[in-house]
Amino acid sequence: MFAVASALAATSCRNAETAEATVIDITAYGAKCDTVTDNAEAINRAIAEAPEGAVVKIPAGTYMTGTIHLKSNITLMIDEGAELIASSDLDAYQSYEPTRDMSKYDTGEGTRNANLASDKRWTKALILGVGVENATVCGKGTINGRHVVDSLGEESMRGPHTIIIAESKAVKIEGLHIKCASNYAVLGYELVDSEIDGLTIEEGWDGVHIRGCENVVIKNCDIKTGDDAIAGGYWKGMTIENCSLNSSCNGIRMIEPSENVEIGDCKIYGPGVYPHRTSGAEKRTGTIYGIVLEPGAWGDAPGHTENVYIHDVTIDNLLSPVVYSMGENNTCSGLTIENLKATHITYNTTPLNRQDCVRMWDNICIKNMSISQGE
């Protein structure tokens, strides 16, 4: 219904492998296959010197690294059998430094969950792309964030994000296995015409978290996280399709106003395979909600939410399937739910749990929706 095109997204790994592209092996730049050497310098030199359209290849083996910087018109390919592991040295990471005002996306200022784009501690990343275009990160290999702890980070524990892509266009992240992210596996700021396809994400906090986008697709992903599987807001043309989502928190959580959002052909289920990393000694594993639409829930995020289409979704073993609310400076219109089946719902079996929201969304349409506590 609101499907967005991603024709401008960068070349996939499948195409890169068959194309007559220049392939640069990081070992030719001195990268060492061990768990001791910080290979960031070697990898970044390979990327910096790569000609337009080249593939920078991380071959089979284990490579430790600090921050890797992406470049426009370059593919970073992590081969099958390759594992990129995060350095335990927090000084080995650089931060995303916005080139424009990003304060509208900030949440939790003054709390232990402050997420501020201007906070250089919070915006550290293992792989960082700022202002890039036609860039790809892909492959059948693994990125291991190692759950690096930062006592000065969010909640006095969260470390660098695994991938940050910001202020960028036509970016593709494809096929990778990301595990043990020290904060979010993928964090995006103001992405345009981009695609996240076929990721497997395990543990860590949020799986894919996008703050600000136009024309973005998240598809074919298998996400099992210790926090929200997919989250963010200020989406303008967002499609989430054919994803399997498991979380000890929420499946999909939209926290800022958005328009033209489609969530289709997805499976969202609990309990969480991995415990909620933020819940302390309780180690909660029961997934709370399937799809949460709550602009303004993490702080003032003014704006209008319009045209959210949820269809052909199965939800199992959660407290409640769909939840919506809005902040004081938000208005919301046009929510369609079609062909949704929810089973083993343990708390709220009504079509929508409004979380005591005083104001209703306008123009809600529900077709063929079933919710039960049993099969």
Protein backbone atom coordinates (compact mmCIF):
# COMPACT_ATOMS: atom_id res chain seq x y z
CA MET A 1 0.00 0.00 0.00
CA PHE A 2 2.78 2.41 0.90
CA ALA A 3 5.65 0.40 -0.54
CA VAL A 4 8.74 2.45 -1.28
CA ALA A 5 11.24 1.87 -4.02
CA SER A 6 14.91 1.29 -3.26
CA ALA A 7 16.23 1.34 -6.81
CA LEU A 8 18.81 3.92 -5.84
CA ALA A 9 20.28 1.77 -3.07
CA ALA A 10 23.87 0.70 -3.57
CA THR A 11 24.93 -2.45 -5.40
CA SER A 12 24.37 -5.70 -3.52
CA CYS A 13 27.18 -8.09 -2.62
CA ARG A 14 25.81 -10.59 -5.10
CA ASN A 15 26.26 -8.06 -7.90
CA ALA A 16 29.65 -6.94 -6.58
CA GLU A 17 30.96 -10.51 -6.66
CA THR A 18 29.95 -11.01 -10.30
CA ALA A 19 30.84 -7.55 -11.59
CA GLU A 20 34.24 -6.66 -12.95
CA ALA A 21 35.06 -4.58 -9.92
CA THR A 22 38.47 -4.00 -8.41
CA VAL A 23 38.77 -6.24 -5.34
CA ILE A 24 41.14 -5.12 -2.60
CA ASP A 25 42.08 -7.60 0.12
CA ILE A 26 42.77 -5.93 3.47
CA THR A 27 45.68 -8.29 4.12
CA ALA A 28 47.50 -6.56 1.26
CA TYR A 29 47.46 -3.46 3.49
CA GLY A 30 48.89 -5.28 6.49
CA ALA A 31 45.75 -6.53 8.23
CA LYS A 32 46.54 -9.41 10.59
CA CYS A 33 44.29 -12.40 11.15
CA ASP A 34 44.36 -12.57 14.95
CA THR A 35 42.54 -11.26 18.02
CA VAL A 36 45.33 -8.94 19.15
CA THR A 37 46.13 -6.55 16.30
CA ASP A 38 43.93 -3.50 15.82
CA ASN A 39 43.39 -3.60 12.06
CA ALA A 40 41.53 -0.29 11.79
CA GLU A 41 44.47 1.52 10.18
CA ALA A 42 44.97 -1.17 7.55
CA ILE A 43 41.27 -1.44 6.70
CA ASN A 44 40.80 2.33 6.56
CA ARG A 45 43.82 2.73 4.26
CA ALA A 46 42.41 0.08 1.95
CA ILE A 47 39.09 1.93 1.81
CA ALA A 48 40.68 5.36 1.44
CA GLU A 49 42.85 4.25 -1.48
CA ALA A 50 40.18 2.14 -3.18
CA PRO A 51 39.04 3.49 -6.56
CA GLU A 52 35.38 4.25 -7.18
CA GLY A 53 33.34 1.07 -7.53
CA ALA A 54 35.90 -1.13 -5.77
CA VAL A 55 35.20 -3.92 -3.30
CA VAL A 56 37.28 -3.88 -0.12
CA LYS A 57 37.30 -7.48 1.04
CA ILE A 58 37.74 -8.90 4.52
CA PRO A 59 38.70 -12.53 3.83
CA ALA A 60 38.03 -15.57 5.99
CA GLY A 61 39.63 -15.30 9.43
CA THR A 62 39.31 -13.23 12.59
CA TYR A 63 40.20 -9.54 12.56
CA MET A 64 40.00 -7.19 15.53
CA THR A 65 39.39 -3.53 14.81
CA GLY A 66 38.40 -0.12 16.06
CA THR A 67 36.34 2.29 13.96
CA ILE A 68 36.15 1.66 10.21
CA HIS A 69 35.12 4.61 8.03
CA LEU A 70 32.99 3.98 4.95
CA LYS A 71 33.41 5.87 1.69
CA SER A 72 31.03 6.70 -1.15
CA ASN A 73 30.89 4.30 -4.11
CA ILE A 74 32.78 1.58 -2.23
CA THR A 75 31.64 -1.87 -1.06
CA LEU A 76 32.98 -3.27 2.22
CA MET A 77 32.51 -7.03 1.94
CA ILE A 78 32.94 -9.36 4.91
CA ASP A 79 33.48 -12.78 3.39
CA GLU A 80 31.97 -16.04 4.53
CA GLY A 81 34.15 -17.36 7.33
CA ALA A 82 35.37 -13.87 8.26
CA GLU A 83 34.69 -12.38 11.68
CA LEU A 84 35.24 -8.72 12.41
CA ILE A 85 35.52 -8.36 16.18
CA ALA A 86 35.25 -5.13 18.14
CA SER A 87 38.20 -3.79 20.06
CA SER A 88 37.79 -3.71 23.84
CA ASP A 89 39.68 -0.39 23.89
CA LEU A 90 37.10 2.41 23.99
CA ASP A 91 39.71 4.86 22.72
CA ALA A 92 39.82 2.87 19.46
CA TYR A 93 36.40 4.26 18.46
CA GLN A 94 35.47 7.49 16.73
CA SER A 95 32.11 9.22 16.98
CA TYR A 96 29.52 10.41 14.53
CA GLU A 97 29.72 14.21 14.58
CA PRO A 98 26.65 15.73 12.90
CA THR A 99 27.18 18.28 10.15
CA ARG A 100 23.65 19.62 10.63
CA ASP A 101 21.24 20.16 13.52
CA MET A 102 20.06 16.72 14.68
CA SER A 103 18.53 17.79 17.99
CA LYS A 104 14.97 16.92 16.87
CA TYR A 105 15.93 13.24 17.14
CA ASP A 106 17.26 13.47 20.70
CA THR A 107 15.50 11.52 23.44
CA GLY A 108 15.90 11.07 27.17
CA GLU A 109 18.01 14.16 27.80
CA GLY A 110 18.94 14.36 31.48
CA THR A 111 18.22 10.67 32.12
CA ARG A 112 20.34 7.54 32.16
CA ASN A 113 18.89 6.74 28.75
CA ALA A 114 19.94 9.97 27.05
CA ASN A 115 20.33 9.47 23.29
CA LEU A 116 21.80 12.72 21.97
CA ALA A 117 23.33 13.04 18.51
CA SER A 118 25.68 15.68 19.95
CA ASP A 119 26.97 13.26 22.62
CA LYS A 120 30.26 11.92 21.31
CA ARG A 121 30.14 9.10 23.82
CA TRP A 122 26.77 7.88 22.62
CA THR A 123 27.63 8.15 18.91
CA LYS A 124 30.74 5.98 18.88
CA ALA A 125 30.61 3.20 16.29
CA LEU A 126 32.57 0.23 15.02
CA ILE A 127 31.59 0.97 11.40
CA LEU A 128 30.84 4.61 10.62
CA GLY A 129 29.51 6.20 7.46
CA VAL A 130 28.73 9.94 7.42
CA GLY A 131 27.62 11.75 4.28
CA VAL A 132 28.27 8.74 2.08
CA GLU A 133 26.39 7.79 -1.10
CA ASN A 134 26.20 4.48 -2.96
CA ALA A 135 28.05 2.66 -0.18
CA THR A 136 27.52 -1.00 0.69
CA VAL A 137 28.40 -3.13 3.72
CA CYS A 138 27.67 -6.76 2.99
CA GLY A 139 28.74 -10.37 2.98
CA LYS A 140 28.15 -13.71 4.64
CA GLY A 141 30.57 -13.01 7.46
CA THR A 142 30.09 -11.93 11.07
CA ILE A 143 30.53 -8.70 13.00
CA ASN A 144 30.99 -9.37 16.71
CA GLY A 145 30.43 -6.31 18.91
CA ARG A 146 31.54 -8.28 21.98
CA HIS A 147 29.17 -6.42 24.33
CA VAL A 148 31.93 -3.92 25.12
CA VAL A 149 31.01 -2.11 28.35
CA ASP A 150 31.41 1.65 28.75
CA SER A 151 30.86 2.74 32.36
CA LEU A 152 30.44 6.33 31.13
CA GLY A 153 27.98 5.39 28.42
CA GLU A 154 24.20 5.09 28.38
CA GLU A 155 22.93 3.38 31.53
CA SER A 156 26.55 3.27 32.69
CA MET A 157 27.06 0.18 30.57
CA ARG A 158 26.38 0.60 26.85
CA GLY A 159 29.35 0.87 24.52
CA PRO A 160 29.73 1.72 20.81
CA HIS A 161 27.05 0.95 18.24
CA THR A 162 28.08 -1.64 15.67
CA ILE A 163 27.11 0.37 12.57
CA ILE A 164 26.14 4.05 12.31
CA ILE A 165 25.10 5.45 8.92
CA ALA A 166 24.17 9.14 8.99
CA GLU A 167 23.26 11.90 6.56
CA SER A 168 23.69 9.40 3.75
CA LYS A 169 21.97 8.26 0.56
CA ALA A 170 21.68 5.00 -1.37
CA VAL A 171 23.31 2.85 1.30
CA LYS A 172 22.85 -0.91 1.44
CA ILE A 173 23.57 -3.18 4.41
CA GLU A 174 23.10 -6.77 3.36
CA GLY A 175 23.48 -10.37 4.45
CA LEU A 176 25.64 -9.91 7.55
CA HIS A 177 25.46 -11.68 10.88
CA ILE A 178 25.76 -9.10 13.67
CA LYS A 179 26.02 -10.38 17.21
CA CYS A 180 26.65 -9.00 20.68
CA ALA A 181 26.30 -5.33 19.71
CA SER A 182 27.54 -3.08 22.49
CA ASN A 183 24.53 -0.84 21.89
CA TYR A 184 22.44 -0.82 18.67
CA ALA A 185 23.42 -3.19 15.86
CA VAL A 186 22.47 -0.61 13.21
CA LEU A 187 21.74 3.06 13.93
CA GLY A 188 20.73 5.43 11.16
CA TYR A 189 20.30 9.20 11.09
CA GLU A 190 18.61 10.81 8.07
CA LEU A 191 18.95 8.00 5.56
CA VAL A 192 17.59 8.40 2.04
CA ASP A 193 16.85 5.72 -0.58
CA SER A 194 18.54 2.99 1.44
CA GLU A 195 18.03 -0.68 2.17
CA ILE A 196 18.74 -3.15 4.97
CA ASP A 197 18.36 -6.65 3.63
CA GLY A 198 18.86 -10.13 5.01
CA LEU A 199 20.61 -9.32 8.28
CA THR A 200 20.79 -11.81 11.12
CA ILE A 201 21.08 -9.94 14.42
CA GLU A 202 21.54 -11.64 17.79
CA GLU A 203 21.77 -10.19 21.33
CA GLY A 204 22.81 -6.60 21.98
CA TRP A 205 20.22 -3.83 22.39
CA ASP A 206 18.09 -2.52 19.50
CA GLY A 207 18.55 -4.38 16.25
CA VAL A 208 17.83 -1.70 13.63
CA HIS A 209 17.10 1.81 14.91
CA ILE A 210 16.49 4.60 12.36
CA ARG A 211 15.98 8.25 13.33
CA GLY A 212 14.94 10.21 10.31
CA CYS A 213 14.61 8.68 6.85
CA GLU A 214 13.06 8.98 3.42
CA ASN A 215 12.41 5.89 1.37
CA VAL A 216 14.00 3.12 3.42
CA VAL A 217 13.32 -0.63 3.28
CA ILE A 218 14.12 -3.17 6.02
CA LYS A 219 13.46 -6.65 4.67
CA ASN A 220 14.24 -10.35 5.03
CA CYS A 221 15.88 -9.86 8.44
CA ASP A 222 16.00 -12.34 11.32
CA ILE A 223 16.40 -10.30 14.49
CA LYS A 224 16.64 -11.66 18.04
CA THR A 225 17.68 -8.92 20.47
CA GLY A 226 17.87 -7.96 24.12
CA ASP A 227 15.92 -4.76 23.41
CA ASP A 228 13.59 -3.52 20.65
CA ALA A 229 14.09 -5.43 17.41
CA ILE A 230 13.30 -2.41 15.17
CA ALA A 231 12.78 1.12 16.46
CA GLY A 232 13.05 4.84 15.71
CA GLY A 233 10.92 7.49 14.10
CA TYR A 234 10.56 10.53 11.89
CA TRP A 235 10.19 7.99 9.11
CA LYS A 236 8.94 9.24 5.76
CA GLY A 237 8.35 6.24 3.57
CA MET A 238 9.45 3.21 5.63
CA THR A 239 8.76 -0.39 4.65
CA ILE A 240 9.40 -3.29 7.02
CA GLU A 241 8.69 -6.56 5.24
CA ASN A 242 9.25 -10.28 5.53
CA CYS A 243 11.10 -10.03 8.84
CA SER A 244 11.18 -12.44 11.77
CA LEU A 245 11.41 -10.44 15.00
CA ASN A 246 12.06 -11.75 18.50
CA SER A 247 12.75 -9.51 21.44
CA SER A 248 12.65 -9.41 25.21
CA CYS A 249 11.25 -5.90 24.81
CA ASN A 250 9.19 -4.90 21.71
CA GLY A 251 9.08 -6.13 18.15
CA ILE A 252 8.68 -2.77 16.37
CA ARG A 253 8.61 0.51 18.28
CA MET A 254 7.96 3.84 16.54
CA ILE A 255 8.83 6.60 19.03
CA GLU A 256 8.65 9.71 16.81
CA PRO A 257 6.03 10.86 14.28
CA SER A 258 6.16 9.22 10.87
CA GLU A 259 4.22 8.98 7.64
CA ASN A 260 3.67 6.34 5.00
CA VAL A 261 4.84 3.35 7.04
CA GLU A 262 4.14 -0.19 5.90
CA ILE A 263 4.71 -3.27 8.07
CA GLY A 264 3.88 -6.43 6.19
CA ASP A 265 4.45 -10.21 6.02
CA CYS A 266 6.28 -10.21 9.35
CA LYS A 267 6.42 -12.66 12.25
CA ILE A 268 6.81 -11.21 15.74
CA TYR A 269 7.09 -13.63 18.63
CA GLY A 270 8.16 -14.14 22.21
CA PRO A 271 9.46 -14.93 24.67
CA GLY A 272 12.83 -13.34 24.02
CA VAL A 273 15.53 -15.79 23.05
CA TYR A 274 17.97 -13.42 24.77
CA PRO A 275 17.23 -11.60 28.07
CA HIS A 276 16.52 -7.90 28.22
CA ARG A 277 19.95 -6.38 28.70
CA THR A 278 18.60 -3.35 30.54
CA SER A 279 16.40 -5.05 33.12
CA GLY A 280 19.17 -5.79 35.59
CA ALA A 281 18.92 -8.79 37.86
CA GLU A 282 15.39 -9.58 36.66
CA LYS A 283 16.67 -10.49 33.18
CA ARG A 284 13.23 -10.23 31.62
CA THR A 285 12.64 -12.47 28.59
CA GLY A 286 8.91 -12.02 28.01
CA THR A 287 8.27 -9.83 24.97
CA ILE A 288 6.01 -6.91 25.86
CA TYR A 289 4.35 -5.73 22.67
CA GLY A 290 4.42 -6.66 19.00
CA ILE A 291 4.02 -3.28 17.31
CA VAL A 292 4.15 -0.07 19.34
CA LEU A 293 3.16 3.24 17.73
CA GLU A 294 3.85 5.97 20.28
CA PRO A 295 5.21 9.27 18.92
CA GLY A 296 6.37 11.39 21.82
CA ALA A 297 6.89 8.45 24.17
CA TRP A 298 10.61 9.11 24.75
CA GLY A 299 10.33 12.88 24.99
CA ASP A 300 8.74 15.71 23.07
CA ALA A 301 8.72 14.85 19.36
CA PRO A 302 6.17 17.18 17.77
CA GLY A 303 4.55 16.37 14.48
CA HIS A 304 1.85 14.47 12.65
CA THR A 305 1.76 10.72 12.08
CA GLU A 306 -0.17 9.63 9.01
CA ASN A 307 -0.82 6.50 6.96
CA VAL A 308 0.44 3.47 8.88
CA TYR A 309 -0.46 0.18 7.20
CA ILE A 310 0.02 -3.12 9.09
CA HIS A 311 -0.88 -6.26 7.16
CA ASP A 312 -0.30 -10.02 7.00
CA VAL A 313 1.44 -10.13 10.37
CA THR A 314 1.49 -13.01 12.85
CA ILE A 315 2.15 -12.34 16.52
CA ASP A 316 2.63 -14.97 19.19
CA ASN A 317 3.27 -15.17 22.93
CA LEU A 318 3.30 -11.46 23.85
CA LEU A 319 1.53 -9.30 26.39
CA SER A 320 -0.35 -7.32 23.73
CA PRO A 321 -0.13 -7.33 19.93
CA VAL A 322 -0.57 -3.67 18.90
CA VAL A 323 -0.28 -0.59 21.08
CA TYR A 324 -0.67 3.06 20.19
CA SER A 325 -0.56 6.39 21.98
CA MET A 326 0.70 9.90 21.31
CA GLY A 327 2.43 12.78 23.03
CA GLU A 328 0.90 16.17 23.79
CA ASN A 329 2.35 17.75 20.65
CA ASN A 330 1.38 14.94 18.31
CA THR A 331 -1.56 14.20 16.06
CA CYS A 332 -2.16 10.86 14.36
CA SER A 333 -4.39 9.85 11.46
CA GLY A 334 -4.82 6.86 9.21
CA LEU A 335 -4.06 3.50 10.82
CA THR A 336 -5.00 0.36 8.87
CA ILE A 337 -4.60 -3.15 10.27
CA GLU A 338 -5.40 -6.01 7.91
CA ASN A 339 -4.91 -9.77 8.18
CA LEU A 340 -3.29 -9.84 11.59
CA LYS A 341 -3.37 -12.98 13.73
CA ALA A 342 -2.21 -12.90 17.35
CA THR A 343 -2.10 -15.99 19.59
CA HIS A 344 -1.10 -16.67 23.19
CA ILE A 345 -1.69 -13.06 24.20
CA THR A 346 -1.34 -12.91 27.96
CA TYR A 347 -2.43 -9.40 28.91
CA ASN A 348 -4.64 -7.55 26.46
CA THR A 349 -6.77 -9.37 23.92
CA THR A 350 -8.68 -6.32 22.68
CA PRO A 351 -7.78 -5.10 19.19
CA LEU A 352 -5.78 -2.14 20.46
CA ASN A 353 -4.42 -1.22 23.85
CA ARG A 354 -4.32 2.58 23.96
CA GLN A 355 -2.06 2.80 27.03
CA ASP A 356 -4.57 5.20 28.63
CA CYS A 357 -4.12 7.65 25.78
CA VAL A 358 -6.84 10.29 26.09
CA ARG A 359 -6.90 11.23 22.40
CA MET A 360 -7.75 8.68 19.76
CA TRP A 361 -6.08 8.28 16.39
CA ASP A 362 -8.31 9.47 13.58
CA ASN A 363 -9.39 7.14 10.77
CA ILE A 364 -8.65 3.66 12.12
CA CYS A 365 -9.58 0.71 9.91
CA ILE A 366 -9.32 -2.91 11.07
CA LYS A 367 -9.97 -5.84 8.71
CA ASN A 368 -9.65 -9.52 9.49
CA MET A 369 -7.86 -9.27 12.84
CA SER A 370 -7.95 -12.10 15.37
CA ILE A 371 -6.50 -12.09 18.88
CA SER A 372 -6.67 -14.98 21.31
CA GLN A 373 -5.10 -16.32 24.45
CA GLY A 374 -4.98 -19.83 23.04
CA GLU A 375 -4.09 -21.26 19.66
